[in-house]
Amino acid sequence: MGEKNSKNRSENPLRIPSSIPEAAQYPSRPPLLALDLGERTGWAGVVAEWPADHFLFSGVQHFPIYRGESVGMRFIRFKSWLNEMIERGHPSVIVYEAAIPYHASMFSAQIAHGMAAILQVIATERKVEMMTVTPAELKRFATGKGNSPKPVMLAAAREQFPGLKILDDNHADALFILKYAMATLGGKR
């Protein structure tokens, strides 16, 4: 019975991918989409065969709730936007900052966890690999210190991406998430 279960898992096209995809299954530099999930979602992406330090698109997308709307409207807007981003960029891997079980506010945690769940469903349905990075791991990658506050992350982003106007901390995090993925999947740091 154990063999049957493991066989079914390996043949399941909707299997849950590992945190870090196998680099060998992609072109030397796959198309990537990096997301810092939240009400103001930072995003950054590159197409296949990207130059090591060149970001082709990035920004911040706001997902507010307007007066009289259900809280679910934020997630419907995110789902629509994410589908559009996948259609436009055709990423092989979506990289996002892992939603942590505790957060500065319950409100922020609910948004991040809800968006992560939607992302996982859409990526699985579209057979796009997913990769996560913890907040501490991202901060260590960006600044050398795993508990760097937002102002330090912003300063590091302005220093490491001098040609870009860094919109806010969400944008900075998305750029670092993308750079982290590029380094992990074969790019240069």
Protein backbone atom coordinates (compact mmCIF):
# COMPACT_ATOMS: atom_id res chain seq x y z
CA MET A 1 0.00 0.00 0.00
CA GLY A 2 2.87 2.37 0.69
CA GLU A 3 4.20 1.81 -2.84
CA LYS A 4 0.84 2.65 -4.36
CA ASN A 5 0.64 5.96 -2.46
CA SER A 6 4.16 7.01 -3.43
CA LYS A 7 3.52 6.02 -7.05
CA ASN A 8 0.35 8.14 -7.17
CA ARG A 9 2.17 11.11 -5.68
CA SER A 10 4.97 11.00 -8.24
CA GLU A 11 2.53 10.76 -11.17
CA ASN A 12 0.26 13.53 -9.92
CA PRO A 13 0.63 16.52 -12.29
CA LEU A 14 -0.64 18.80 -9.53
CA ARG A 15 1.99 17.79 -6.99
CA ILE A 16 3.11 20.38 -4.50
CA PRO A 17 6.56 21.51 -5.66
CA SER A 18 9.55 21.80 -3.40
CA SER A 19 10.59 25.16 -2.06
CA ILE A 20 13.49 25.35 -4.53
CA PRO A 21 12.85 23.96 -8.02
CA GLU A 22 15.46 21.80 -9.73
CA ALA A 23 17.57 24.24 -11.74
CA ALA A 24 18.46 21.58 -14.33
CA GLN A 25 14.87 21.46 -15.65
CA TYR A 26 14.97 25.07 -16.87
CA PRO A 27 16.86 27.01 -19.48
CA SER A 28 20.08 28.39 -18.01
CA ARG A 29 18.12 31.42 -16.82
CA PRO A 30 14.34 30.83 -16.67
CA PRO A 31 11.66 33.52 -16.76
CA LEU A 32 10.88 34.52 -13.17
CA LEU A 33 8.20 36.44 -11.32
CA ALA A 34 8.99 37.60 -7.77
CA LEU A 35 6.26 38.76 -5.36
CA ASP A 36 6.22 40.41 -1.95
CA LEU A 37 2.61 39.63 -1.03
CA GLY A 38 0.42 42.14 0.79
CA GLU A 39 -2.14 44.90 0.31
CA ARG A 40 0.63 46.67 -1.60
CA THR A 41 2.23 43.76 -3.47
CA GLY A 42 5.75 44.41 -4.70
CA TRP A 43 6.62 42.58 -7.91
CA ALA A 44 9.60 42.12 -10.22
CA GLY A 45 10.24 39.84 -13.16
CA VAL A 46 12.64 38.87 -15.89
CA VAL A 47 12.27 36.89 -19.10
CA ALA A 48 14.35 33.84 -20.10
CA GLU A 49 18.08 34.28 -20.64
CA TRP A 50 18.18 37.45 -18.56
CA PRO A 51 21.39 39.34 -17.99
CA ALA A 52 22.49 38.77 -14.41
CA ASP A 53 21.66 42.25 -13.09
CA HIS A 54 18.92 43.41 -15.47
CA PHE A 55 15.32 43.64 -14.30
CA LEU A 56 12.88 44.00 -17.16
CA PHE A 57 9.82 44.97 -15.15
CA SER A 58 8.95 45.77 -11.55
CA GLY A 59 6.58 47.81 -9.46
CA VAL A 60 3.93 47.78 -6.76
CA GLN A 61 0.29 46.78 -7.21
CA HIS A 62 -2.25 48.00 -4.65
CA PHE A 63 -5.20 45.76 -3.71
CA PRO A 64 -7.51 47.93 -1.58
CA ILE A 65 -11.03 47.24 -0.43
CA TYR A 66 -13.44 50.02 -1.29
CA ARG A 67 -16.33 51.18 0.86
CA GLY A 68 -19.18 48.66 0.88
CA GLU A 69 -17.13 45.81 -0.62
CA SER A 70 -16.59 42.35 0.81
CA VAL A 71 -13.07 41.57 2.03
CA GLY A 72 -13.00 38.88 -0.67
CA MET A 73 -12.81 41.56 -3.37
CA ARG A 74 -9.12 42.09 -2.55
CA PHE A 75 -8.44 38.44 -3.32
CA ILE A 76 -10.54 38.46 -6.48
CA ARG A 77 -8.51 41.43 -7.74
CA PHE A 78 -5.26 39.70 -6.79
CA LYS A 79 -6.30 36.51 -8.58
CA SER A 80 -7.16 38.44 -11.75
CA TRP A 81 -3.92 40.45 -11.62
CA LEU A 82 -1.78 37.34 -11.00
CA ASN A 83 -3.37 35.52 -13.94
CA GLU A 84 -2.63 38.54 -16.13
CA MET A 85 1.00 38.68 -14.94
CA ILE A 86 1.45 34.98 -15.74
CA GLU A 87 -0.11 35.47 -19.19
CA ARG A 88 2.19 38.40 -19.95
CA GLY A 89 5.46 37.07 -18.54
CA HIS A 90 5.09 33.26 -18.84
CA PRO A 91 7.26 32.63 -15.76
CA SER A 92 8.69 29.16 -15.21
CA VAL A 93 9.04 29.96 -11.51
CA ILE A 94 7.12 32.28 -9.18
CA VAL A 95 9.18 33.24 -6.16
CA TYR A 96 7.57 34.81 -3.12
CA GLU A 97 8.34 35.71 0.45
CA ALA A 98 6.91 33.01 2.69
CA ALA A 99 3.93 34.16 4.75
CA ILE A 100 4.99 33.90 8.36
CA PRO A 101 2.64 32.59 11.05
CA TYR A 102 3.03 35.77 13.12
CA HIS A 103 3.00 39.27 11.76
CA ALA A 104 3.08 42.85 12.97
CA SER A 105 -0.69 42.87 12.59
CA MET A 106 -3.40 40.26 12.17
CA PHE A 107 -4.67 42.26 9.19
CA SER A 108 -1.34 41.94 7.33
CA ALA A 109 -1.06 38.24 8.15
CA GLN A 110 -4.56 37.51 6.81
CA ILE A 111 -3.78 39.28 3.54
CA ALA A 112 -0.39 37.57 3.06
CA HIS A 113 -1.74 34.10 3.86
CA GLY A 114 -4.80 34.56 1.63
CA MET A 115 -2.69 35.75 -1.30
CA ALA A 116 -0.19 32.91 -0.79
CA ALA A 117 -3.03 30.38 -0.97
CA ILE A 118 -4.39 31.92 -4.19
CA LEU A 119 -0.89 32.02 -5.69
CA GLN A 120 -0.34 28.35 -4.85
CA VAL A 121 -3.63 27.32 -6.47
CA ILE A 122 -3.03 29.34 -9.65
CA ALA A 123 0.60 28.23 -9.99
CA THR A 124 -0.39 24.60 -9.48
CA GLU A 125 -3.22 24.80 -12.02
CA ARG A 126 -0.90 26.44 -14.56
CA LYS A 127 1.99 24.09 -13.77
CA VAL A 128 4.30 26.95 -12.76
CA GLU A 129 6.91 26.03 -10.16
CA MET A 130 6.99 27.94 -6.88
CA MET A 131 9.90 28.90 -4.68
CA THR A 132 9.77 30.62 -1.30
CA VAL A 133 12.25 32.61 0.71
CA THR A 134 11.81 33.39 4.39
CA PRO A 135 11.91 37.02 5.52
CA ALA A 136 15.09 36.39 7.55
CA GLU A 137 16.80 34.63 4.64
CA LEU A 138 15.88 37.50 2.30
CA LYS A 139 17.17 40.14 4.71
CA ARG A 140 20.40 38.22 5.18
CA PHE A 141 20.81 37.96 1.39
CA ALA A 142 20.12 41.68 0.90
CA THR A 143 22.01 43.21 3.83
CA GLY A 144 24.06 40.46 5.47
CA LYS A 145 21.87 40.61 8.58
CA GLY A 146 18.72 38.48 9.02
CA ASN A 147 16.80 41.00 11.11
CA SER A 148 17.36 44.22 9.14
CA PRO A 149 14.54 46.78 9.55
CA LYS A 150 12.70 48.33 6.58
CA PRO A 151 14.86 51.50 6.38
CA VAL A 152 18.01 49.35 6.07
CA MET A 153 16.39 47.20 3.36
CA LEU A 154 15.35 50.35 1.46
CA ALA A 155 18.86 51.79 1.69
CA ALA A 156 20.34 48.50 0.47
CA ALA A 157 17.90 48.44 -2.46
CA ARG A 158 18.82 51.99 -3.47
CA GLU A 159 22.50 51.03 -3.32
CA GLN A 160 22.20 47.69 -5.15
CA PHE A 161 19.72 48.90 -7.82
CA PRO A 162 20.98 52.42 -8.57
CA GLY A 163 19.21 52.69 -11.93
CA LEU A 164 15.77 52.03 -10.48
CA LYS A 165 13.43 54.31 -8.57
CA ILE A 166 12.56 52.22 -5.51
CA LEU A 167 8.86 52.93 -4.88
CA ASP A 168 8.63 51.56 -1.33
CA ASP A 169 9.72 48.68 0.90
CA ASN A 170 7.44 46.25 -0.97
CA HIS A 171 9.14 47.11 -4.26
CA ALA A 172 12.57 46.76 -2.63
CA ASP A 173 11.65 43.34 -1.22
CA ALA A 174 10.37 42.14 -4.62
CA LEU A 175 13.63 43.18 -6.27
CA PHE A 176 15.63 41.32 -3.62
CA ILE A 177 13.35 38.26 -3.95
CA LEU A 178 14.04 38.28 -7.69
CA LYS A 179 17.78 38.72 -7.19
CA TYR A 180 17.74 35.88 -4.63
CA ALA A 181 15.99 33.59 -7.11
CA MET A 182 18.41 34.54 -9.88
CA ALA A 183 21.35 33.67 -7.63
CA THR A 184 19.74 30.42 -6.46
CA LEU A 185 18.77 29.26 -9.96
CA GLY A 186 22.10 30.02 -11.60
CA GLY A 187 22.48 33.76 -12.01
CA LYS A 188 25.18 35.93 -10.54
CA ARG A 189 24.69 37.70 -7.25
